[in-house]
């Protein structure tokens, strides 16, 4: 089977979805770790230091391009897979019940993914566009004279509407990861009776911890716990 035929098939799309999904999961770990540095509560000095490193390091910037295309590929592949599965479903089963054990969030990955994509567009407009294109002039520097991206976060998260949007995005991410983490390993053929349970536990833990970390950032800033 040619590469073109493979990736046009349902199996190939699931394989690509798993690869890009695990790549994006690795990014979530890094992103949560860097953003979590706001909780040093040192006026953003530690956070700004690492944000500056991530924004100026050539290797990181190159990987950022790969991340962007990985995100687009994951989203497009997911929508194509959803359409392919929908088109293959006989019309008479349109309103039938799903098999027992199939969770609502596993059936709603396309919807959850779309909600996350919309949230990411908002998130990128708040931070990535400012740091990469329009600049963050007017926010001064921190105590160490560094560009003050932390001050941008403080300003953005003054709005309760923005905080609610971010928390809702994290809630969608939780459900998306709850199915996507485990299924990625299955699609890559990395499931085995010896460690399936470990993967399942890790997937649940990751799906809970990472979205909570992301959600707590705007919440704690809005409440004034981080300065």
Foldseek 3Di string as FASTA:
>chain_A
DDPVVQCLDLLNLLLLLLVLVVVVLVVLVVVLVLLLVLVVLPQCPSSLVVVVCCLPPPVNVVVVVVNVVSLVSNLVSVVSSLVVVVVPDDPVCPPPDDDPPDDPLNVCLNVLSVLLVVLVVVVCVQQVCQVPPVDDPPQFATPVRGRCVVSSLLVQLLDPVNLVSQLVSLVSQLSNQLPSQLSSCVSNVNDDPVCSVVSNVVSNVSSPPSSVSRSVSSVCSNVVVRD
